[in-house]
Amino acid sequence: MKAGEKMSKKEKIAYLIAAVAVILLFSVILILFGPDKPEETGKSPAAVTYTEYTYPTDYGEDDTGVSSQGTGTGAVTLSKKAVVISHYPSYAGDAYAELNGNVPGFTQSDVTTKAFESYSRLDLYGRCGVAYANICKQIMPKEERGDISSVKPTGWHSVQYDFIDRKSLFNRCHLIGFQLAGENANELNLITGTSYMNVDGMLPFENEIAEYVKSTGNHVLYRVTPVFDGANLVADGVQMEAYSVEDSGEGVSFNVFCFNIQPGVVINYLTGDSRLAKKGDGYVYSSFTKPAAVTVTAKTAVKSGEKKKYVVNTYRKKFHLPSCESVSGINSQNKKTVVDTRENLVSQGYSPCGSCKP
């Protein structure tokens, strides 16, 4: 077509077809040879935030509380003020101890069905802080667990003892478990934790949340706080709090401290060094907890064969004295009062409460 001549209708159609063909060709090339599509993680990008978590400063429990939103007898009443534990119990033979009557320290203002994850920045020693999430199907993983060996949390030592299951003393312990949020090599979410704390302490509670969310589709507020004393690189343990949102704690509600110890091993919490325990060794944690030294075999003496009234938690397989403050935190469907001997309850698979020591 010469300059100045007008394009005919047929020529316009031909140019349009040619342009569309070129666009389609480039689209095919991008699909075949362009960058790989990101792997599906099962998370909405808006659901995950990696911001510094600020712990509540309005400490103390408000005795008046607030009315529960639940409709069943197992609903849990949250306080108006954040309940923050200022000290933790000493180890007395159980992998965890219940705190605040097993009632979590969330407030009604924390309750939401919005999916989120929040991780604290590492402190000046490189240690993890509070990890907080609203566990739901939206943030649960769809892919297999990945490699996390690249992360070396503070106090990490690759050391083995033959009497420990799988031999390794320390695990790279997720604060928010992988099965709950799909976090792999996230250095803000991994601490040096003993096999005992990871498997006997934390895992049963993580499984409880996972099973509940998968079966109901509901949300669970979940907060894990590692507790370090002074400049120690290894945590004394972790506080774990959970609260099921839609049913106001009827499905899941707990507030526990899991001990970062390993029976048979003495740990230097300042450095992470360890050695085999000797006769008479105890587990002295820190000036933060101020417990007396307690050997791992210490148990409360009771009269053999004596029948007493106990309250049992049929879900967690624990038994308590009726006066124990933890009894009020047991969901009604899991609570049962029995008159039996301590030996018979233990033979049935129940373990004594670490707080009231029945």
Protein backbone atom coordinates (compact mmCIF):
# COMPACT_ATOMS: atom_id res chain seq x y z
CA MET A 1 0.00 0.00 0.00
CA LYS A 2 1.43 3.31 -1.05
CA ALA A 3 1.76 6.27 1.31
CA GLY A 4 -1.37 8.41 1.47
CA GLU A 5 -3.64 5.61 0.24
CA LYS A 6 -6.48 4.54 2.52
CA MET A 7 -6.59 0.97 3.83
CA SER A 8 -9.43 -1.05 2.39
CA LYS A 9 -11.85 -3.00 4.56
CA LYS A 10 -10.30 -6.31 3.51
CA GLU A 11 -6.82 -5.04 4.35
CA LYS A 12 -7.96 -3.88 7.80
CA ILE A 13 -9.38 -7.34 8.51
CA ALA A 14 -6.16 -8.96 7.32
CA TYR A 15 -4.02 -6.76 9.59
CA LEU A 16 -6.30 -7.51 12.56
CA ILE A 17 -6.05 -11.25 11.98
CA ALA A 18 -2.28 -10.99 11.72
CA ALA A 19 -2.05 -9.04 15.00
CA VAL A 20 -4.19 -11.58 16.85
CA ALA A 21 -2.06 -14.40 15.47
CA VAL A 22 1.13 -12.73 16.73
CA ILE A 23 -0.37 -12.25 20.24
CA LEU A 24 -1.46 -15.90 20.37
CA LEU A 25 1.99 -17.03 19.25
CA PHE A 26 3.71 -15.07 22.01
CA SER A 27 1.23 -16.45 24.57
CA VAL A 28 2.06 -20.02 23.56
CA ILE A 29 5.79 -19.29 23.80
CA LEU A 30 5.39 -17.86 27.33
CA ILE A 31 3.39 -20.88 28.47
CA LEU A 32 5.92 -23.36 27.07
CA PHE A 33 9.17 -21.59 27.90
CA GLY A 34 8.29 -18.98 30.52
CA PRO A 35 9.08 -19.12 34.27
CA ASP A 36 7.67 -21.99 36.30
CA LYS A 37 4.36 -21.50 38.03
CA PRO A 38 4.75 -21.16 41.82
CA GLU A 39 3.95 -24.32 43.77
CA GLU A 40 0.55 -24.48 45.40
CA THR A 41 0.88 -23.98 49.14
CA GLY A 42 -2.77 -23.94 50.06
CA LYS A 43 -2.40 -20.45 51.55
CA SER A 44 -3.92 -17.22 50.44
CA PRO A 45 -1.09 -14.62 50.28
CA ALA A 46 -3.21 -12.29 52.38
CA ALA A 47 -3.45 -14.91 55.13
CA VAL A 48 0.24 -14.86 56.07
CA THR A 49 2.07 -11.92 57.57
CA TYR A 50 5.57 -11.95 59.01
CA THR A 51 5.33 -9.00 61.33
CA GLU A 52 6.75 -8.53 64.78
CA TYR A 53 4.29 -9.74 67.39
CA THR A 54 3.89 -7.42 70.36
CA TYR A 55 2.94 -9.24 73.53
CA PRO A 56 0.16 -7.64 75.63
CA THR A 57 1.28 -5.10 78.22
CA ASP A 58 -2.00 -4.99 80.13
CA TYR A 59 -1.03 -7.86 82.42
CA GLY A 60 -3.19 -9.62 84.95
CA GLU A 61 -6.45 -11.49 84.98
CA ASP A 62 -9.76 -9.67 85.25
CA ASP A 63 -11.86 -11.70 87.70
CA THR A 64 -15.12 -10.41 86.24
CA GLY A 65 -14.35 -11.90 82.83
CA VAL A 66 -16.87 -11.66 80.02
CA SER A 67 -19.86 -13.74 79.08
CA SER A 68 -19.02 -16.69 76.86
CA GLN A 69 -20.25 -16.84 73.28
CA GLY A 70 -20.62 -20.62 73.41
CA THR A 71 -23.93 -22.38 73.71
CA GLY A 72 -22.82 -25.65 75.31
CA THR A 73 -21.64 -26.49 78.82
CA GLY A 74 -18.06 -26.78 77.64
CA ALA A 75 -17.72 -23.14 76.55
CA VAL A 76 -14.72 -21.29 78.01
CA THR A 77 -15.00 -17.78 79.44
CA LEU A 78 -12.15 -15.50 78.38
CA SER A 79 -10.93 -12.60 80.49
CA LYS A 80 -11.29 -8.93 79.57
CA LYS A 81 -7.55 -8.49 80.12
CA ALA A 82 -4.75 -10.59 78.68
CA VAL A 83 -3.66 -13.27 81.15
CA VAL A 84 0.14 -13.41 81.06
CA ILE A 85 2.05 -15.95 83.13
CA SER A 86 4.90 -14.30 85.06
CA HIS A 87 6.50 -17.55 86.23
CA TYR A 88 6.43 -21.19 85.22
CA PRO A 89 6.27 -24.39 87.26
CA SER A 90 9.20 -26.71 87.87
CA TYR A 91 9.41 -30.10 86.25
CA ALA A 92 7.80 -32.86 88.34
CA GLY A 93 7.77 -35.90 86.08
CA ASP A 94 5.27 -34.88 83.38
CA ALA A 95 6.12 -33.48 79.94
CA TYR A 96 3.86 -30.48 80.52
CA ALA A 97 2.00 -28.60 83.27
CA GLU A 98 -1.29 -26.74 82.98
CA LEU A 99 -1.31 -22.96 83.51
CA ASN A 100 -4.10 -20.62 84.64
CA GLY A 101 -6.49 -23.53 85.22
CA ASN A 102 -5.80 -24.62 81.63
CA VAL A 103 -7.63 -21.51 80.36
CA PRO A 104 -5.75 -19.63 77.58
CA GLY A 105 -4.79 -15.97 78.03
CA PHE A 106 -6.64 -14.64 74.99
CA THR A 107 -9.29 -11.94 75.36
CA GLN A 108 -12.60 -11.54 73.55
CA SER A 109 -10.98 -8.85 71.39
CA ASP A 110 -8.59 -11.52 70.06
CA VAL A 111 -11.43 -13.67 68.76
CA THR A 112 -11.64 -13.63 64.95
CA THR A 113 -12.21 -15.94 62.02
CA LYS A 114 -9.61 -14.13 59.91
CA ALA A 115 -6.74 -16.41 58.90
CA PHE A 116 -3.31 -15.09 59.93
CA GLU A 117 0.20 -16.03 61.01
CA SER A 118 2.51 -13.72 62.94
CA TYR A 119 6.13 -14.37 63.92
CA SER A 120 8.40 -12.29 66.14
CA ARG A 121 11.70 -10.95 64.89
CA LEU A 122 14.79 -12.67 66.26
CA ASP A 123 16.13 -10.94 69.36
CA LEU A 124 19.69 -9.67 69.85
CA TYR A 125 20.83 -13.23 70.67
CA GLY A 126 19.17 -14.58 67.52
CA ARG A 127 16.38 -16.29 69.49
CA CYS A 128 12.77 -16.77 68.40
CA GLY A 129 9.91 -14.99 70.10
CA VAL A 130 6.13 -15.45 70.21
CA ALA A 131 4.49 -17.21 67.27
CA TYR A 132 0.76 -16.59 66.86
CA ALA A 133 -1.70 -17.88 64.27
CA ASN A 134 -5.35 -18.55 63.59
CA ILE A 135 -5.20 -22.18 62.49
CA CYS A 136 -7.66 -23.13 59.76
CA LYS A 137 -7.81 -25.13 56.55
CA GLN A 138 -6.80 -22.01 54.59
CA ILE A 139 -3.25 -22.03 56.01
CA MET A 140 -2.76 -25.77 56.47
CA PRO A 141 -0.22 -27.33 54.10
CA LYS A 142 -1.12 -29.18 50.93
CA GLU A 143 2.44 -30.19 50.09
CA GLU A 144 4.78 -32.61 51.84
CA ARG A 145 7.06 -31.33 54.57
CA GLY A 146 10.34 -29.96 53.20
CA ASP A 147 13.94 -29.91 54.37
CA ILE A 148 14.67 -27.63 57.35
CA SER A 149 18.30 -28.64 57.99
CA SER A 150 19.56 -25.28 56.73
CA VAL A 151 18.26 -23.58 59.90
CA LYS A 152 20.53 -23.68 62.97
CA PRO A 153 18.51 -22.25 65.87
CA THR A 154 20.32 -20.86 68.90
CA GLY A 155 21.91 -23.49 71.13
CA TRP A 156 21.82 -26.08 68.35
CA HIS A 157 24.06 -29.13 68.76
CA SER A 158 23.81 -32.27 66.66
CA VAL A 159 24.33 -34.77 69.48
CA GLN A 160 22.98 -38.28 69.97
CA TYR A 161 22.32 -40.61 72.90
CA ASP A 162 21.52 -44.27 72.26
CA PHE A 163 18.63 -44.45 74.76
CA ILE A 164 16.66 -41.63 73.05
CA ASP A 165 14.17 -42.62 70.36
CA ARG A 166 15.88 -41.90 67.00
CA LYS A 167 18.92 -41.01 69.15
CA SER A 168 18.97 -37.23 68.54
CA LEU A 169 18.78 -35.15 71.71
CA PHE A 170 17.69 -32.00 69.90
CA ASN A 171 15.08 -31.42 67.21
CA ARG A 172 14.47 -28.31 65.17
CA CYS A 173 11.22 -27.64 66.97
CA HIS A 174 8.46 -25.74 65.13
CA LEU A 175 6.64 -23.25 67.34
CA ILE A 176 3.66 -23.41 64.98
CA GLY A 177 3.79 -27.05 63.86
CA PHE A 178 4.18 -27.81 60.15
CA GLN A 179 0.91 -29.74 60.03
CA LEU A 180 -0.89 -26.59 61.24
CA ALA A 181 0.60 -23.87 59.04
CA GLY A 182 2.96 -25.48 56.53
CA GLU A 183 6.02 -23.51 57.64
CA ASN A 184 9.25 -25.25 56.69
CA ALA A 185 12.67 -23.55 57.03
CA ASN A 186 11.32 -20.42 58.69
CA GLU A 187 14.01 -19.33 61.17
CA LEU A 188 11.44 -17.26 63.07
CA ASN A 189 9.51 -20.47 63.83
CA LEU A 190 12.23 -22.98 64.81
CA ILE A 191 13.92 -23.40 68.19
CA THR A 192 16.26 -25.98 69.67
CA GLY A 193 13.99 -28.40 71.48
CA THR A 194 14.56 -31.80 73.02
CA SER A 195 13.02 -34.92 71.53
CA TYR A 196 11.06 -35.27 74.78
CA MET A 197 9.52 -31.80 74.56
CA ASN A 198 8.78 -32.14 70.85
CA VAL A 199 7.16 -35.59 70.94
CA ASP A 200 5.81 -36.03 74.47
CA GLY A 201 5.08 -32.38 75.22
CA MET A 202 4.03 -30.48 72.11
CA LEU A 203 2.90 -33.04 69.55
CA PRO A 204 -0.27 -34.28 71.34
CA PHE A 205 -1.60 -30.71 71.52
CA GLU A 206 -0.71 -30.02 67.88
CA ASN A 207 -2.52 -33.21 66.86
CA GLU A 208 -5.57 -32.16 68.85
CA ILE A 209 -5.78 -28.86 66.96
CA ALA A 210 -5.17 -30.47 63.56
CA GLU A 211 -7.82 -33.14 64.07
CA TYR A 212 -10.36 -30.58 65.27
CA VAL A 213 -9.81 -28.18 62.34
CA LYS A 214 -9.90 -30.96 59.76
CA SER A 215 -13.13 -32.42 61.17
CA THR A 216 -15.00 -29.14 61.72
CA GLY A 217 -13.51 -26.57 59.33
CA ASN A 218 -13.41 -24.14 62.27
CA HIS A 219 -10.64 -21.79 63.43
CA VAL A 220 -8.33 -22.15 66.44
CA LEU A 221 -6.39 -19.24 67.92
CA TYR A 222 -2.95 -20.66 68.70
CA ARG A 223 -0.03 -18.95 70.42
CA VAL A 224 3.32 -20.47 71.35
CA THR A 225 5.77 -18.55 73.55
CA PRO A 226 9.34 -19.83 73.96
CA VAL A 227 10.72 -18.97 77.41
CA PHE A 228 14.42 -18.12 77.65
CA ASP A 229 16.18 -17.13 80.85
CA GLY A 230 18.74 -14.34 80.67
CA ALA A 231 21.16 -14.93 77.79
CA ASN A 232 20.43 -18.66 77.55
CA LEU A 233 20.45 -19.94 73.98
CA VAL A 234 18.21 -22.91 74.76
CA ALA A 235 14.66 -22.29 76.01
CA ASP A 236 13.45 -23.63 79.35
CA GLY A 237 10.29 -24.63 77.51
CA VAL A 238 7.31 -23.26 75.62
CA GLN A 239 3.92 -22.00 76.66
CA MET A 240 1.16 -23.23 74.33
CA GLU A 241 -2.30 -21.63 74.26
CA ALA A 242 -5.24 -22.58 72.05
CA TYR A 243 -8.91 -21.61 71.74
CA SER A 244 -11.44 -22.79 69.17
CA VAL A 245 -13.27 -19.73 67.86
CA GLU A 246 -16.66 -20.78 66.49
CA ASP A 247 -17.65 -22.80 69.57
CA SER A 248 -15.94 -20.62 72.18
CA GLY A 249 -13.45 -23.21 73.32
CA GLU A 250 -15.79 -26.17 73.54
CA GLY A 251 -13.75 -28.05 70.94
CA VAL A 252 -10.21 -26.97 71.86
CA SER A 253 -9.00 -24.96 74.82
CA PHE A 254 -5.73 -25.27 76.72
CA ASN A 255 -2.90 -23.33 78.32
CA VAL A 256 0.15 -25.46 79.09
CA PHE A 257 3.90 -25.22 79.62
CA CYS A 258 5.98 -27.92 77.92
CA PHE A 259 9.36 -28.60 79.55
CA ASN A 260 12.45 -28.52 77.34
CA ILE A 261 14.23 -31.33 79.16
CA GLN A 262 15.35 -34.84 78.28
CA PRO A 263 15.20 -37.52 80.97
CA GLY A 264 18.66 -38.98 81.42
CA VAL A 265 20.47 -35.91 80.06
CA VAL A 266 21.70 -32.73 81.76
CA ILE A 267 21.62 -29.67 79.50
CA ASN A 268 23.55 -26.42 79.80
CA TYR A 269 20.83 -23.98 78.71
CA LEU A 270 23.32 -21.16 78.22
CA THR A 271 25.24 -22.96 75.47
CA GLY A 272 23.28 -26.08 74.51
CA ASP A 273 26.05 -28.43 75.66
CA SER A 274 24.88 -31.63 77.34
CA ARG A 275 26.05 -34.73 79.19
CA LEU A 276 24.65 -37.96 80.53
CA ALA A 277 22.86 -37.56 83.84
CA LYS A 278 24.49 -38.97 86.95
CA LYS A 279 22.87 -40.25 90.11
CA GLY A 280 21.51 -37.31 92.08
CA ASP A 281 21.36 -34.93 89.13
CA GLY A 282 18.31 -32.68 88.97
CA TYR A 283 16.88 -30.22 86.51
CA VAL A 284 17.44 -26.67 87.70
CA TYR A 285 16.10 -24.34 85.06
CA SER A 286 16.66 -20.69 85.74
CA SER A 287 16.21 -17.72 88.02
CA PHE A 288 13.01 -17.06 86.06
CA THR A 289 11.29 -20.19 87.35
CA LYS A 290 13.30 -20.66 90.56
CA PRO A 291 12.42 -24.31 91.13
CA ALA A 292 14.27 -26.65 93.43
CA ALA A 293 16.25 -29.38 91.73
CA VAL A 294 13.92 -32.25 90.85
CA THR A 295 15.08 -35.64 89.61
CA VAL A 296 13.24 -37.11 86.66
CA THR A 297 12.16 -40.12 88.69
CA ALA A 298 10.52 -38.10 91.45
CA LYS A 299 6.92 -39.13 92.11
CA THR A 300 4.40 -38.28 94.80
CA ALA A 301 4.08 -40.98 97.46
CA VAL A 302 0.56 -42.31 98.04
CA LYS A 303 -0.86 -45.15 100.06
CA SER A 304 -1.13 -48.25 97.92
CA GLY A 305 -4.68 -49.49 97.29
CA GLU A 306 -6.40 -46.44 98.85
CA LYS A 307 -9.60 -45.43 97.03
CA LYS A 308 -10.14 -41.69 96.58
CA LYS A 309 -12.33 -39.38 94.53
CA TYR A 310 -10.65 -38.17 91.34
CA VAL A 311 -11.68 -36.17 88.28
CA VAL A 312 -10.43 -37.71 85.05
CA ASN A 313 -9.94 -36.17 81.65
CA THR A 314 -10.92 -39.01 79.31
CA TYR A 315 -9.43 -37.23 76.28
CA ARG A 316 -6.00 -36.39 77.67
CA LYS A 317 -5.95 -39.44 79.95
CA LYS A 318 -5.08 -37.39 83.04
CA PHE A 319 -6.54 -37.60 86.55
CA HIS A 320 -6.81 -34.79 89.09
CA LEU A 321 -7.90 -34.09 92.65
CA PRO A 322 -11.39 -32.51 92.69
CA SER A 323 -9.85 -29.33 94.17
CA CYS A 324 -7.36 -28.94 91.31
CA GLU A 325 -7.74 -25.62 89.46
CA SER A 326 -7.24 -27.47 86.16
CA VAL A 327 -10.57 -29.29 86.58
CA SER A 328 -12.55 -26.19 85.59
CA GLY A 329 -10.76 -26.15 82.24
CA ILE A 330 -11.76 -29.70 81.24
CA ASN A 331 -14.46 -29.85 78.58
CA SER A 332 -17.64 -31.36 80.00
CA GLN A 333 -17.72 -34.19 77.48
CA ASN A 334 -14.25 -35.27 78.62
CA LYS A 335 -14.77 -34.81 82.39
CA LYS A 336 -15.69 -37.71 84.66
CA THR A 337 -15.67 -38.11 88.46
CA VAL A 338 -14.56 -41.51 89.73
CA VAL A 339 -13.79 -43.18 93.04
CA ASP A 340 -10.83 -45.46 92.45
CA THR A 341 -7.28 -46.26 93.44
CA ARG A 342 -4.36 -44.40 91.97
CA GLU A 343 -2.82 -47.68 90.84
CA ASN A 344 -5.95 -48.73 88.96
CA LEU A 345 -6.17 -45.42 87.10
CA VAL A 346 -2.52 -45.66 86.09
CA SER A 347 -3.06 -49.24 84.90
CA GLN A 348 -5.89 -47.93 82.69
CA GLY A 349 -3.48 -45.55 80.97
CA TYR A 350 -4.20 -42.40 83.01
CA SER A 351 -1.34 -40.24 84.29
CA PRO A 352 -1.46 -37.96 87.37
CA CYS A 353 -1.76 -34.19 86.98
CA GLY A 354 1.57 -32.44 87.41
CA SER A 355 -0.02 -29.55 89.35
CA CYS A 356 -2.16 -31.16 92.06
CA LYS A 357 -0.09 -34.39 92.15
CA PRO A 358 -2.97 -36.75 93.08
